Amino acid sequence: MLKKILFLLIYLFTWVIFFEVARVFFLLTTSQYAKGVPSSLLFQSLWYGLKMDLSMAAYITGLVCLFLIAALFIPYFRKRNIYSIYTGFLLFIEVLLIIIDSESFKAWGTRIDSTPLKYLSTPKEVWASVSHLPIIFVLIGFIVVYLLSFWCFRKIISRSV
């Protein structure tokens, strides 16, 4: 039982670290917009964002808790693959959102909210606003970040489960 609790804590804090690194990535990639901002404000964004990161990591870990409870009764949930598939799926979505958010902020000066969804009805306008982006580099960056993140999570899962 102690091993399962330890696994949950490690899994939770790995996601928190992932989200903090994502915040630093966003701040670094959009640093040209923060030239006049004092460094104390940047550190405050990390500190105050930590609460949101803990919350999101707890939501993600909630389903893993249910998997571990189900593992007491269903042997299928004792396999590492279910945790890797779940993590891989969520990492795909998270990395995609992080990169899209960073690139859209550079292009439009606004973070991801419902605004870009308005343009989905007119794909030509969407393509016109992103055609200047280095799409190949963004795609390669997405693949590299996803694979590196997934590799780290798989190492943590295989050592903890």
Foldseek 3Di string as FASTA:
>chain_A
DVLLVVLLVLQLVLQLVVVLVLLVVLCVLPVVVCPPPDVVVVVVCSVVCSVVSSVVSCVLSVVVVVLVVVCVPDVVSVDLVVVLVSVLVVLLVVLVQSLVQSVCCVQPVDGDDCVVVVCVVPVVVVCVSCVPPPVVVSVVVSVVVSVVSSVVVSVSSVVRD
